[in-house]
Amino acid sequence: MSINLNSNNNGFAERLTAKIAELANPTVLGLDPMLEYLPANIRDYLNDRCSDPLLAAGMAITEFNRRLIDAVSDIIPAVKPQLAYYEQYGRPGMDAFYETCRYARSKGMLVIADGKRNDIGTTAAAYARAYLGETQLETESRAIAEVDALTINPYLGSDGIEPFLEQCSLHGKGVFILVRTSNPSAGDLQDLKLADGRLVYESVADMVRKWGSGRAGTSGFGPVGAVVGATYPHQAAGLRERLPEAIILVPGYGAQGATAADCAHNFTADGRGAIVNASRSLMLAYKKRELPPEAFDVACREEAIAMRQALQTAITNR
């Protein structure tokens, strides 16, 4: 079946799994820019031409992201811009976010906005429209962000999730719900034991499965995905069994210490159903490869190819 990767008429899971299969690469490029990550030639060029350093920062981030996207759009299926890195630069930073999303989609990549959004009632609905749906204007409704999926937080319960699921159904989008995160203190809450014997993260996984029930498409997966950190591989294996129809977004590879073998637990028996994020290990690959900062895009491509091979080997050798 032919899938139009930039058409919301196809479900998010179908678009993502098709792109992963096309490129034989279950990875996502995390775009988490800081000014100090950008090579001096980009920063200096724009600072010389712009009197406002904040505006210059936004323009420099946009250029940095474009060059990374150009370097890997034929080998990596998706990008994941983390909203906080853009919000810290104000309006120019958010302009860089929107342009990054637009440019990535124009190059055939899917976009996962990493915002970990949630709230209750009308506020959750507003978040959902902002990133997954359309905003009603005086004479029309308009999509604000060109994204395919959004990370969301389940802590407020089902009434904070349902508005996002509604927009997924209306517009062919997806969500990745935090289940087992990759940070060191994740267990402070997620490992607490409930009265029925389950741990909190296991209970959340069971809710994610319920929220996704009946939504799977022809790929066997649905629009309700889960975030499961690669830094906890033993828990990941059990969560894969609990979430048979969820695509799992896997942070923690590379700079956070997880290996390809750690990530492999998140894939189904036939090697599908997960996508592994790498941010600093790809953006700053020139350091590992001992290349000049100006060659950040070349280094990113080389590291992306190595990551793809490492994941393919780890999945095969499980």
C-alpha atoms as a PDB file:
ATOM      1  CA  MET A   1       0.000   0.000   0.000  1.00  0.00           C
ATOM      2  CA  SER A   2       1.328   3.430  -0.953  1.00  0.00           C
ATOM      3  CA  ILE A   3       1.437   5.945   1.892  1.00  0.00           C
ATOM      4  CA  ASN A   4       1.585   9.707   1.391  1.00  0.00           C
ATOM      5  CA  LEU A   5       3.930  10.628   4.218  1.00  0.00           C
ATOM      6  CA  ASN A   6       2.836  14.261   4.381  1.00  0.00           C
ATOM      7  CA  SER A   7      -0.902  13.617   4.187  1.00  0.00           C
ATOM      8  CA  ASN A   8      -2.960  13.665   7.352  1.00  0.00           C
ATOM      9  CA  ASN A   9      -5.508  11.459   5.566  1.00  0.00           C
ATOM     10  CA  ASN A  10      -3.284   8.533   6.547  1.00  0.00           C
ATOM     11  CA  GLY A  11      -2.959   7.669  10.220  1.00  0.00           C
ATOM     12  CA  PHE A  12       0.179   8.751  12.039  1.00  0.00           C
ATOM     13  CA  ALA A  13       1.241   5.182  12.785  1.00  0.00           C
ATOM     14  CA  GLU A  14       0.898   4.249   9.114  1.00  0.00           C
ATOM     15  CA  ARG A  15       2.988   7.229   8.014  1.00  0.00           C
ATOM     16  CA  LEU A  16       5.703   6.608  10.581  1.00  0.00           C
ATOM     17  CA  THR A  17       6.004   2.847  10.115  1.00  0.00           C
ATOM     18  CA  ALA A  18       6.055   3.284   6.333  1.00  0.00           C
ATOM     19  CA  LYS A  19       8.881   5.814   6.546  1.00  0.00           C
ATOM     20  CA  ILE A  20      10.861   3.645   8.956  1.00  0.00           C
ATOM     21  CA  ALA A  21      10.464   0.677   6.597  1.00  0.00           C
ATOM     22  CA  GLU A  22      11.429   2.767   3.563  1.00  0.00           C
ATOM     23  CA  LEU A  23      14.692   3.895   5.172  1.00  0.00           C
ATOM     24  CA  ALA A  24      15.277   0.720   7.224  1.00  0.00           C
ATOM     25  CA  ASN A  25      16.045   3.041  10.110  1.00  0.00           C
ATOM     26  CA  PRO A  26      14.028   3.355  13.354  1.00  0.00           C
ATOM     27  CA  THR A  27      15.700   6.552  14.550  1.00  0.00           C
ATOM     28  CA  VAL A  28      14.621  10.124  15.161  1.00  0.00           C
ATOM     29  CA  LEU A  29      16.900  13.159  15.196  1.00  0.00           C
ATOM     30  CA  GLY A  30      16.333  15.231  18.315  1.00  0.00           C
ATOM     31  CA  LEU A  31      16.741  18.928  17.566  1.00  0.00           C
ATOM     32  CA  ASP A  32      17.542  20.515  20.939  1.00  0.00           C
ATOM     33  CA  PRO A  33      19.651  23.551  20.000  1.00  0.00           C
ATOM     34  CA  MET A  34      21.644  25.783  22.314  1.00  0.00           C
ATOM     35  CA  LEU A  35      23.675  28.707  20.978  1.00  0.00           C
ATOM     36  CA  GLU A  36      26.873  27.143  22.286  1.00  0.00           C
ATOM     37  CA  TYR A  37      26.176  24.087  20.122  1.00  0.00           C
ATOM     38  CA  LEU A  38      26.229  26.159  16.938  1.00  0.00           C
ATOM     39  CA  PRO A  39      29.524  26.671  15.086  1.00  0.00           C
ATOM     40  CA  ALA A  40      30.964  30.171  15.280  1.00  0.00           C
ATOM     41  CA  ASN A  41      30.710  30.760  11.534  1.00  0.00           C
ATOM     42  CA  ILE A  42      26.899  30.535  11.644  1.00  0.00           C
ATOM     43  CA  ARG A  43      26.585  32.682  14.773  1.00  0.00           C
ATOM     44  CA  ASP A  44      29.051  35.313  13.549  1.00  0.00           C
ATOM     45  CA  TYR A  45      27.499  35.558  10.090  1.00  0.00           C
ATOM     46  CA  LEU A  46      24.047  36.318  11.490  1.00  0.00           C
ATOM     47  CA  ASN A  47      25.235  38.539  14.346  1.00  0.00           C
ATOM     48  CA  ASP A  48      27.072  40.693  11.795  1.00  0.00           C
ATOM     49  CA  ARG A  49      23.848  41.157   9.832  1.00  0.00           C
ATOM     50  CA  CYS A  50      21.346  41.536  12.661  1.00  0.00           C
ATOM     51  CA  SER A  51      21.433  44.187  15.392  1.00  0.00           C
ATOM     52  CA  ASP A  52      19.155  42.204  17.727  1.00  0.00           C
ATOM     53  CA  PRO A  53      21.068  39.277  19.285  1.00  0.00           C
ATOM     54  CA  LEU A  54      17.822  37.467  20.126  1.00  0.00           C
ATOM     55  CA  LEU A  55      16.654  37.624  16.518  1.00  0.00           C
ATOM     56  CA  ALA A  56      20.117  36.543  15.371  1.00  0.00           C
ATOM     57  CA  ALA A  57      19.907  33.558  17.732  1.00  0.00           C
ATOM     58  CA  GLY A  58      16.602  32.425  16.242  1.00  0.00           C
ATOM     59  CA  MET A  59      17.933  32.777  12.706  1.00  0.00           C
ATOM     60  CA  ALA A  60      21.119  30.895  13.602  1.00  0.00           C
ATOM     61  CA  ILE A  61      19.147  28.026  15.144  1.00  0.00           C
ATOM     62  CA  THR A  62      17.001  27.816  12.020  1.00  0.00           C
ATOM     63  CA  GLU A  63      20.084  27.603   9.804  1.00  0.00           C
ATOM     64  CA  PHE A  64      21.702  25.000  12.067  1.00  0.00           C
ATOM     65  CA  ASN A  65      18.577  22.842  11.985  1.00  0.00           C
ATOM     66  CA  ARG A  66      18.168  23.165   8.226  1.00  0.00           C
ATOM     67  CA  ARG A  67      21.695  21.939   7.639  1.00  0.00           C
ATOM     68  CA  LEU A  68      21.176  18.983   9.969  1.00  0.00           C
ATOM     69  CA  ILE A  69      17.924  18.110   8.193  1.00  0.00           C
ATOM     70  CA  ASP A  70      19.603  18.398   4.790  1.00  0.00           C
ATOM     71  CA  ALA A  71      22.340  16.051   5.994  1.00  0.00           C
ATOM     72  CA  VAL A  72      20.058  13.224   7.124  1.00  0.00           C
ATOM     73  CA  SER A  73      16.604  13.569   5.544  1.00  0.00           C
ATOM     74  CA  ASP A  74      17.328  10.656   3.214  1.00  0.00           C
ATOM     75  CA  ILE A  75      18.395   8.306   6.029  1.00  0.00           C
ATOM     76  CA  ILE A  76      16.400   9.348   9.147  1.00  0.00           C
ATOM     77  CA  PRO A  77      12.582   9.223   9.087  1.00  0.00           C
ATOM     78  CA  ALA A  78      11.715  11.889  11.670  1.00  0.00           C
ATOM     79  CA  VAL A  79      12.861  14.824  13.763  1.00  0.00           C
ATOM     80  CA  LYS A  80      11.927  15.642  17.350  1.00  0.00           C
ATOM     81  CA  PRO A  81      12.348  19.311  18.280  1.00  0.00           C
ATOM     82  CA  GLN A  82      12.152  19.841  22.050  1.00  0.00           C
ATOM     83  CA  LEU A  83      10.030  22.937  22.608  1.00  0.00           C
ATOM     84  CA  ALA A  84      11.869  24.230  25.691  1.00  0.00           C
ATOM     85  CA  TYR A  85      15.012  24.822  23.655  1.00  0.00           C
ATOM     86  CA  TYR A  86      13.059  27.157  21.370  1.00  0.00           C
ATOM     87  CA  GLU A  87      10.906  28.799  24.042  1.00  0.00           C
ATOM     88  CA  GLN A  88      14.018  30.033  25.864  1.00  0.00           C
ATOM     89  CA  TYR A  89      14.786  32.290  22.879  1.00  0.00           C
ATOM     90  CA  GLY A  90      11.378  33.949  22.912  1.00  0.00           C
ATOM     91  CA  ARG A  91       9.481  34.730  19.738  1.00  0.00           C
ATOM     92  CA  PRO A  92      12.542  34.268  17.464  1.00  0.00           C
ATOM     93  CA  GLY A  93      13.064  30.859  19.034  1.00  0.00           C
ATOM     94  CA  MET A  94       9.471  29.831  18.419  1.00  0.00           C
ATOM     95  CA  ASP A  95       9.731  31.122  14.851  1.00  0.00           C
ATOM     96  CA  ALA A  96      12.732  28.795  14.516  1.00  0.00           C
ATOM     97  CA  PHE A  97      10.631  25.927  15.869  1.00  0.00           C
ATOM     98  CA  TYR A  98       7.787  26.486  13.393  1.00  0.00           C
ATOM     99  CA  GLU A  99      10.199  26.898  10.478  1.00  0.00           C
ATOM    100  CA  THR A 100      12.115  23.774  11.516  1.00  0.00           C
ATOM    101  CA  CYS A 101       8.875  21.775  11.523  1.00  0.00           C
ATOM    102  CA  ARG A 102       7.839  23.150   8.136  1.00  0.00           C
ATOM    103  CA  TYR A 103      11.248  22.505   6.588  1.00  0.00           C
ATOM    104  CA  ALA A 104      11.534  18.961   7.931  1.00  0.00           C
ATOM    105  CA  ARG A 105       8.139  18.034   6.499  1.00  0.00           C
ATOM    106  CA  SER A 106       9.068  19.627   3.161  1.00  0.00           C
ATOM    107  CA  LYS A 107      12.035  17.227   3.075  1.00  0.00           C
ATOM    108  CA  GLY A 108       9.784  14.215   3.672  1.00  0.00           C
ATOM    109  CA  MET A 109      10.460  13.777   7.386  1.00  0.00           C
ATOM    110  CA  LEU A 110       7.849  13.348  10.092  1.00  0.00           C
ATOM    111  CA  VAL A 111       7.859  15.759  13.025  1.00  0.00           C
ATOM    112  CA  ILE A 112       7.360  14.819  16.679  1.00  0.00           C
ATOM    113  CA  ALA A 113       6.978  17.935  18.832  1.00  0.00           C
ATOM    114  CA  ASP A 114       8.448  17.174  22.238  1.00  0.00           C
ATOM    115  CA  GLY A 115       6.430  19.426  24.519  1.00  0.00           C
ATOM    116  CA  LYS A 116       5.148  17.014  27.193  1.00  0.00           C
ATOM    117  CA  ARG A 117       1.954  19.062  27.247  1.00  0.00           C
ATOM    118  CA  ASN A 118      -1.112  18.456  29.386  1.00  0.00           C
ATOM    119  CA  ASP A 119      -3.776  20.161  31.444  1.00  0.00           C
ATOM    120  CA  ILE A 120      -7.473  19.699  32.093  1.00  0.00           C
ATOM    121  CA  GLY A 121     -10.609  20.527  30.136  1.00  0.00           C
ATOM    122  CA  THR A 122     -10.489  23.519  27.810  1.00  0.00           C
ATOM    123  CA  THR A 123      -6.775  24.100  28.415  1.00  0.00           C
ATOM    124  CA  ALA A 124      -5.878  20.586  27.273  1.00  0.00           C
ATOM    125  CA  ALA A 125      -8.120  21.153  24.256  1.00  0.00           C
ATOM    126  CA  ALA A 126      -6.229  24.366  23.454  1.00  0.00           C
ATOM    127  CA  TYR A 127      -2.877  22.555  23.637  1.00  0.00           C
ATOM    128  CA  ALA A 128      -4.274  19.822  21.402  1.00  0.00           C
ATOM    129  CA  ARG A 129      -5.487  22.308  18.788  1.00  0.00           C
ATOM    130  CA  ALA A 130      -2.194  24.211  18.892  1.00  0.00           C
ATOM    131  CA  TYR A 131      -0.076  21.189  17.995  1.00  0.00           C
ATOM    132  CA  LEU A 132      -2.345  18.516  16.538  1.00  0.00           C
ATOM    133  CA  GLY A 133      -5.425  20.269  15.200  1.00  0.00           C
ATOM    134  CA  GLU A 134      -6.596  23.634  13.950  1.00  0.00           C
ATOM    135  CA  THR A 135      -7.340  26.949  15.634  1.00  0.00           C
ATOM    136  CA  GLN A 136     -10.638  28.611  14.805  1.00  0.00           C
ATOM    137  CA  LEU A 137     -10.239  32.152  13.433  1.00  0.00           C
ATOM    138  CA  GLU A 138     -12.885  34.662  12.367  1.00  0.00           C
ATOM    139  CA  THR A 139     -13.424  33.226   8.904  1.00  0.00           C
ATOM    140  CA  GLU A 140     -11.465  29.972   8.858  1.00  0.00           C
ATOM    141  CA  SER A 141      -9.650  27.406  10.942  1.00  0.00           C
ATOM    142  CA  ARG A 142      -5.926  26.993  10.526  1.00  0.00           C
ATOM    143  CA  ALA A 143      -3.213  24.542  11.604  1.00  0.00           C
ATOM    144  CA  ILE A 144      -0.586  26.417  13.600  1.00  0.00           C
ATOM    145  CA  ALA A 145       2.232  23.870  13.798  1.00  0.00           C
ATOM    146  CA  GLU A 146       3.252  21.442  11.055  1.00  0.00           C
ATOM    147  CA  VAL A 147       3.771  18.447  13.310  1.00  0.00           C
ATOM    148  CA  ASP A 148       2.711  14.807  13.139  1.00  0.00           C
ATOM    149  CA  ALA A 149       2.758  13.934  16.833  1.00  0.00           C
ATOM    150  CA  LEU A 150       3.200  15.435  20.283  1.00  0.00           C
ATOM    151  CA  THR A 151       4.579  14.076  23.553  1.00  0.00           C
ATOM    152  CA  ILE A 152       2.107  14.440  26.428  1.00  0.00           C
ATOM    153  CA  ASN A 153       2.033  13.875  30.183  1.00  0.00           C
ATOM    154  CA  PRO A 154      -0.608  11.530  31.675  1.00  0.00           C
ATOM    155  CA  TYR A 155      -0.430  12.801  35.271  1.00  0.00           C
ATOM    156  CA  LEU A 156      -3.801  14.595  35.101  1.00  0.00           C
ATOM    157  CA  GLY A 157      -5.668  11.470  34.016  1.00  0.00           C
ATOM    158  CA  SER A 158      -8.096  10.711  31.219  1.00  0.00           C
ATOM    159  CA  ASP A 159      -9.783  14.115  30.969  1.00  0.00           C
ATOM    160  CA  GLY A 160      -6.365  15.573  30.207  1.00  0.00           C
ATOM    161  CA  ILE A 161      -5.756  12.961  27.502  1.00  0.00           C
ATOM    162  CA  GLU A 162      -9.073  12.823  25.659  1.00  0.00           C
ATOM    163  CA  PRO A 163      -8.757  16.236  23.922  1.00  0.00           C
ATOM    164  CA  PHE A 164      -5.490  15.090  22.352  1.00  0.00           C
ATOM    165  CA  LEU A 165      -7.003  11.785  21.220  1.00  0.00           C
ATOM    166  CA  GLU A 166      -9.886  13.680  19.631  1.00  0.00           C
ATOM    167  CA  GLN A 167      -7.499  15.765  17.526  1.00  0.00           C
ATOM    168  CA  CYS A 168      -5.550  12.625  16.581  1.00  0.00           C
ATOM    169  CA  SER A 169      -8.764  11.100  15.225  1.00  0.00           C
ATOM    170  CA  LEU A 170      -9.775  14.261  13.378  1.00  0.00           C
ATOM    171  CA  HIS A 171      -6.421  15.031  11.786  1.00  0.00           C
ATOM    172  CA  GLY A 172      -4.445  11.780  11.538  1.00  0.00           C
ATOM    173  CA  LYS A 173      -1.961  12.781  14.233  1.00  0.00           C
ATOM    174  CA  GLY A 174      -0.338  10.882  17.100  1.00  0.00           C
ATOM    175  CA  VAL A 175       0.686  11.239  20.735  1.00  0.00           C
ATOM    176  CA  PHE A 176       3.483   9.713  22.778  1.00  0.00           C
ATOM    177  CA  ILE A 177       2.476   9.441  26.429  1.00  0.00           C
ATOM    178  CA  LEU A 178       5.142   9.442  29.145  1.00  0.00           C
ATOM    179  CA  VAL A 179       5.287   5.965  30.690  1.00  0.00           C
ATOM    180  CA  ARG A 180       8.851   5.191  31.830  1.00  0.00           C
ATOM    181  CA  THR A 181      11.140   8.180  31.375  1.00  0.00           C
ATOM    182  CA  SER A 182      14.908   8.088  30.966  1.00  0.00           C
ATOM    183  CA  ASN A 183      15.946  10.510  33.727  1.00  0.00           C
ATOM    184  CA  PRO A 184      17.773   9.298  36.870  1.00  0.00           C
ATOM    185  CA  SER A 185      14.986  10.268  39.310  1.00  0.00           C
ATOM    186  CA  ALA A 186      12.198   8.675  37.264  1.00  0.00           C
ATOM    187  CA  GLY A 187      11.674   6.056  39.940  1.00  0.00           C
ATOM    188  CA  ASP A 188      10.741   8.624  42.598  1.00  0.00           C
ATOM    189  CA  LEU A 189       7.163   8.406  41.327  1.00  0.00           C
ATOM    190  CA  GLN A 190       7.170   5.803  38.589  1.00  0.00           C
ATOM    191  CA  ASP A 191       8.422   2.942  40.789  1.00  0.00           C
ATOM    192  CA  LEU A 192       5.914   3.434  43.602  1.00  0.00           C
ATOM    193  CA  LYS A 193       3.855   0.306  44.254  1.00  0.00           C
ATOM    194  CA  LEU A 194       0.073   0.448  44.059  1.00  0.00           C
ATOM    195  CA  ALA A 195      -2.375  -1.507  46.201  1.00  0.00           C
ATOM    196  CA  ASP A 196      -2.909  -4.047  43.395  1.00  0.00           C
ATOM    197  CA  GLY A 197       0.824  -4.804  43.211  1.00  0.00           C
ATOM    198  CA  ARG A 198       1.559  -2.925  40.009  1.00  0.00           C
ATOM    199  CA  LEU A 199       4.111  -0.134  39.878  1.00  0.00           C
ATOM    200  CA  VAL A 200       2.944   3.322  38.822  1.00  0.00           C
ATOM    201  CA  TYR A 201       4.614   3.121  35.405  1.00  0.00           C
ATOM    202  CA  GLU A 202       2.967  -0.257  34.776  1.00  0.00           C
ATOM    203  CA  SER A 203      -0.416   1.222  35.635  1.00  0.00           C
ATOM    204  CA  VAL A 204       0.218   4.119  33.246  1.00  0.00           C
ATOM    205  CA  ALA A 205       1.165   1.638  30.514  1.00  0.00           C
ATOM    206  CA  ASP A 206      -2.118  -0.188  31.052  1.00  0.00           C
ATOM    207  CA  MET A 207      -3.979   3.119  30.695  1.00  0.00           C
ATOM    208  CA  VAL A 208      -2.098   3.888  27.492  1.00  0.00           C
ATOM    209  CA  ARG A 209      -3.155   0.507  26.127  1.00  0.00           C
ATOM    210  CA  LYS A 210      -6.775   1.271  27.048  1.00  0.00           C
ATOM    211  CA  TRP A 211      -6.643   4.733  25.445  1.00  0.00           C
ATOM    212  CA  GLY A 212      -5.265   3.188  22.264  1.00  0.00           C
ATOM    213  CA  SER A 213      -7.681   0.256  22.143  1.00  0.00           C
ATOM    214  CA  GLY A 214      -9.531  -0.031  18.842  1.00  0.00           C
ATOM    215  CA  ARG A 215      -7.394   2.613  17.142  1.00  0.00           C
ATOM    216  CA  ALA A 216      -4.759   0.439  15.425  1.00  0.00           C
ATOM    217  CA  GLY A 217      -4.497   0.788  11.667  1.00  0.00           C
ATOM    218  CA  THR A 218      -3.207  -1.473   8.931  1.00  0.00           C
ATOM    219  CA  SER A 219       0.314  -1.322  10.372  1.00  0.00           C
ATOM    220  CA  GLY A 220      -0.897  -3.022  13.545  1.00  0.00           C
ATOM    221  CA  PHE A 221      -0.084   0.107  15.529  1.00  0.00           C
ATOM    222  CA  GLY A 222      -2.209   3.069  16.533  1.00  0.00           C
ATOM    223  CA  PRO A 223      -1.812   6.794  17.181  1.00  0.00           C
ATOM    224  CA  VAL A 224      -1.406   6.364  20.951  1.00  0.00           C
ATOM    225  CA  GLY A 225       2.272   5.733  21.581  1.00  0.00           C
ATOM    226  CA  ALA A 226       4.428   5.594  24.695  1.00  0.00           C
ATOM    227  CA  VAL A 227       7.689   7.130  25.858  1.00  0.00           C
ATOM    228  CA  VAL A 228       9.930   4.469  27.411  1.00  0.00           C
ATOM    229  CA  GLY A 229      13.514   5.361  28.247  1.00  0.00           C
ATOM    230  CA  ALA A 230      16.327   3.157  27.000  1.00  0.00           C
ATOM    231  CA  THR A 231      18.130   3.705  30.299  1.00  0.00           C
ATOM    232  CA  TYR A 232      15.809   1.140  31.921  1.00  0.00           C
ATOM    233  CA  PRO A 233      16.060  -1.803  29.488  1.00  0.00           C
ATOM    234  CA  HIS A 234      14.680  -4.497  31.802  1.00  0.00           C
ATOM    235  CA  GLN A 235      11.484  -2.540  32.400  1.00  0.00           C
ATOM    236  CA  ALA A 236      11.255  -1.856  28.663  1.00  0.00           C
ATOM    237  CA  ALA A 237      10.934  -5.547  27.836  1.00  0.00           C
ATOM    238  CA  GLY A 238       7.886  -5.890  30.070  1.00  0.00           C
ATOM    239  CA  LEU A 239       6.356  -2.694  28.751  1.00  0.00           C
ATOM    240  CA  ARG A 240       6.685  -3.903  25.170  1.00  0.00           C
ATOM    241  CA  GLU A 241       4.448  -6.850  26.116  1.00  0.00           C
ATOM    242  CA  ARG A 242       1.963  -4.540  27.842  1.00  0.00           C
ATOM    243  CA  LEU A 243       1.744  -2.241  24.817  1.00  0.00           C
ATOM    244  CA  PRO A 244       1.367  -4.445  21.720  1.00  0.00           C
ATOM    245  CA  GLU A 245      -0.260  -1.729  19.559  1.00  0.00           C
ATOM    246  CA  ALA A 246       1.760   1.277  20.734  1.00  0.00           C
ATOM    247  CA  ILE A 247       4.752   2.705  18.934  1.00  0.00           C
ATOM    248  CA  ILE A 248       7.378   3.348  21.591  1.00  0.00           C
ATOM    249  CA  LEU A 249       9.484   6.502  21.473  1.00  0.00           C
ATOM    250  CA  VAL A 250      12.820   5.656  23.074  1.00  0.00           C
ATOM    251  CA  PRO A 251      14.940   8.472  24.555  1.00  0.00           C
ATOM    252  CA  GLY A 252      18.240   7.939  26.328  1.00  0.00           C
ATOM    253  CA  TYR A 253      20.479   6.680  23.510  1.00  0.00           C
ATOM    254  CA  GLY A 254      23.967   8.123  23.271  1.00  0.00           C
ATOM    255  CA  ALA A 255      24.600  11.122  25.515  1.00  0.00           C
ATOM    256  CA  GLN A 256      22.361   9.745  28.286  1.00  0.00           C
ATOM    257  CA  GLY A 257      24.295   6.489  28.300  1.00  0.00           C
ATOM    258  CA  ALA A 258      22.014   3.892  26.707  1.00  0.00           C
ATOM    259  CA  THR A 259      23.310   1.596  23.966  1.00  0.00           C
ATOM    260  CA  ALA A 260      21.671   0.067  20.916  1.00  0.00           C
ATOM    261  CA  ALA A 261      21.342  -3.206  22.839  1.00  0.00           C
ATOM    262  CA  ASP A 262      19.442  -1.361  25.582  1.00  0.00           C
ATOM    263  CA  CYS A 263      17.068   0.096  22.989  1.00  0.00           C
ATOM    264  CA  ALA A 264      16.393  -3.244  21.306  1.00  0.00           C
ATOM    265  CA  HIS A 265      14.045  -4.354  24.112  1.00  0.00           C
ATOM    266  CA  ASN A 266      11.465  -1.825  22.916  1.00  0.00           C
ATOM    267  CA  PHE A 267      10.936  -3.486  19.537  1.00  0.00           C
ATOM    268  CA  THR A 268       8.438  -6.214  18.729  1.00  0.00           C
ATOM    269  CA  ALA A 269       9.569  -9.720  17.819  1.00  0.00           C
ATOM    270  CA  ASP A 270       9.588  -8.748  14.137  1.00  0.00           C
ATOM    271  CA  GLY A 271      11.731  -5.669  14.790  1.00  0.00           C
ATOM    272  CA  ARG A 272       9.043  -3.000  14.537  1.00  0.00           C
ATOM    273  CA  GLY A 273       7.080  -0.706  16.815  1.00  0.00           C
ATOM    274  CA  ALA A 274       9.742   1.621  18.206  1.00  0.00           C
ATOM    275  CA  ILE A 275      11.741   4.680  17.213  1.00  0.00           C
ATOM    276  CA  VAL A 276      14.944   5.665  19.010  1.00  0.00           C
ATOM    277  CA  ASN A 277      15.816   9.299  19.638  1.00  0.00           C
ATOM    278  CA  ALA A 278      19.314  10.753  19.587  1.00  0.00           C
ATOM    279  CA  SER A 279      19.898  14.459  20.124  1.00  0.00           C
ATOM    280  CA  ARG A 280      23.321  15.583  21.349  1.00  0.00           C
ATOM    281  CA  SER A 281      25.059  12.461  20.052  1.00  0.00           C
ATOM    282  CA  LEU A 282      23.987  13.453  16.525  1.00  0.00           C
ATOM    283  CA  MET A 283      23.968  17.261  16.743  1.00  0.00           C
ATOM    284  CA  LEU A 284      27.435  17.321  18.321  1.00  0.00           C
ATOM    285  CA  ALA A 285      28.877  14.266  16.595  1.00  0.00           C
ATOM    286  CA  TYR A 286      31.779  16.342  15.282  1.00  0.00           C
ATOM    287  CA  LYS A 287      33.301  16.210  18.786  1.00  0.00           C
ATOM    288  CA  LYS A 288      33.321  12.412  18.885  1.00  0.00           C
ATOM    289  CA  ARG A 289      34.587  12.201  15.318  1.00  0.00           C
ATOM    290  CA  GLU A 290      37.233  14.883  15.901  1.00  0.00           C
ATOM    291  CA  LEU A 291      36.016  17.085  13.082  1.00  0.00           C
ATOM    292  CA  PRO A 292      35.870  20.891  13.076  1.00  0.00           C
ATOM    293  CA  PRO A 293      32.598  22.384  14.351  1.00  0.00           C
ATOM    294  CA  GLU A 294      31.832  23.659  10.857  1.00  0.00           C
ATOM    295  CA  ALA A 295      31.521  20.023   9.733  1.00  0.00           C
ATOM    296  CA  PHE A 296      28.693  19.338  12.207  1.00  0.00           C
ATOM    297  CA  ASP A 297      26.341  18.266   9.416  1.00  0.00           C
ATOM    298  CA  VAL A 298      28.842  15.844   7.876  1.00  0.00           C
ATOM    299  CA  ALA A 299      29.583  14.368  11.295  1.00  0.00           C
ATOM    300  CA  CYS A 300      25.872  14.060  12.063  1.00  0.00           C
ATOM    301  CA  ARG A 301      25.318  12.021   8.916  1.00  0.00           C
ATOM    302  CA  GLU A 302      28.252   9.728   9.673  1.00  0.00           C
ATOM    303  CA  GLU A 303      27.021   9.156  13.225  1.00  0.00           C
ATOM    304  CA  ALA A 304      23.446   8.572  12.029  1.00  0.00           C
ATOM    305  CA  ILE A 305      24.641   5.847   9.680  1.00  0.00           C
ATOM    306  CA  ALA A 306      26.630   4.235  12.499  1.00  0.00           C
ATOM    307  CA  MET A 307      23.601   4.448  14.813  1.00  0.00           C
ATOM    308  CA  ARG A 308      21.391   2.820  12.202  1.00  0.00           C
ATOM    309  CA  GLN A 309      23.811  -0.072  11.821  1.00  0.00           C
ATOM    310  CA  ALA A 310      24.161  -0.479  15.587  1.00  0.00           C
ATOM    311  CA  LEU A 311      20.389  -0.638  16.037  1.00  0.00           C
ATOM    312  CA  GLN A 312      19.898  -3.068  13.166  1.00  0.00           C
ATOM    313  CA  THR A 313      22.557  -5.366  14.622  1.00  0.00           C
ATOM    314  CA  ALA A 314      21.173  -5.130  18.162  1.00  0.00           C
ATOM    315  CA  ILE A 315      17.613  -5.882  17.043  1.00  0.00           C
ATOM    316  CA  THR A 316      18.762  -8.865  14.979  1.00  0.00           C
ATOM    317  CA  ASN A 317      20.929 -10.277  17.770  1.00  0.00           C
ATOM    318  CA  ARG A 318      18.390 -10.051  20.616  1.00  0.00           C
END
